[in-house]
Amino acid sequence: MSWERELGCRPAGSHSAATRSARFFYDTRSVVLSSAVTPLDAWNVVSSEPRPLMASAFRVRDAIAARFGVKAIGGFSGERRPHVREGDTLDFFLVEHSAPDMLVLTERDRHLDVMICLATSGHRLTITSSVVVHNAFGRAYMVPVASIHRLILAADLRRLRTSSWQEASRSGP
């Protein structure tokens, strides 16, 4: 699987075979949830209610990127998807792999390749974000984005831990 080798996505609990030196940005974080979820369930929770600040950030990003010939991504639509398969899109991401325990999303252009991998093992959810840059614009773009991304991911993991479906799973039917 080329995305696994190129961008470093591995099943939860395993280690990446790809060299981190080839990547500009690499972040992997895990959370133990009160109930087992699928990667798509986790994606739906995180992307279904886009925060206003994120919508503003995407608008600014698109306005700046347009000046450099980079396509607009528009942000998250808020649409919940019951299922996806390889070749589908989730907002601006291409679904490169979809399995009950792993969802691999990518966005590639001439400046950088972005990969988001959501992997589950029991109650553990691991989210890996990886970016390979191709040129100076990609490197410059990632300088502010890398710092902000870490904060966003931390907030998303908190959101997953406290989401209503987690509470419902603890209380039972």
Foldseek 3Di string as FASTA:
>chain_A
DVCQQQFPDDAPPDGRPHDCVQFPAKDKDKDFALFFDFLLVLVLLLQLDDDPVQQVVLVVVQVVVVVVVDHRQRGGPNDRDPDDAAQDDHRQWGFHHDDRFKTWTWDDDQFKIWIWMWGDDTRMIMIMITMGGRDDVNNVVVPVVNVVVVVSVVVSSVCRRPPPVSVDVVVDD
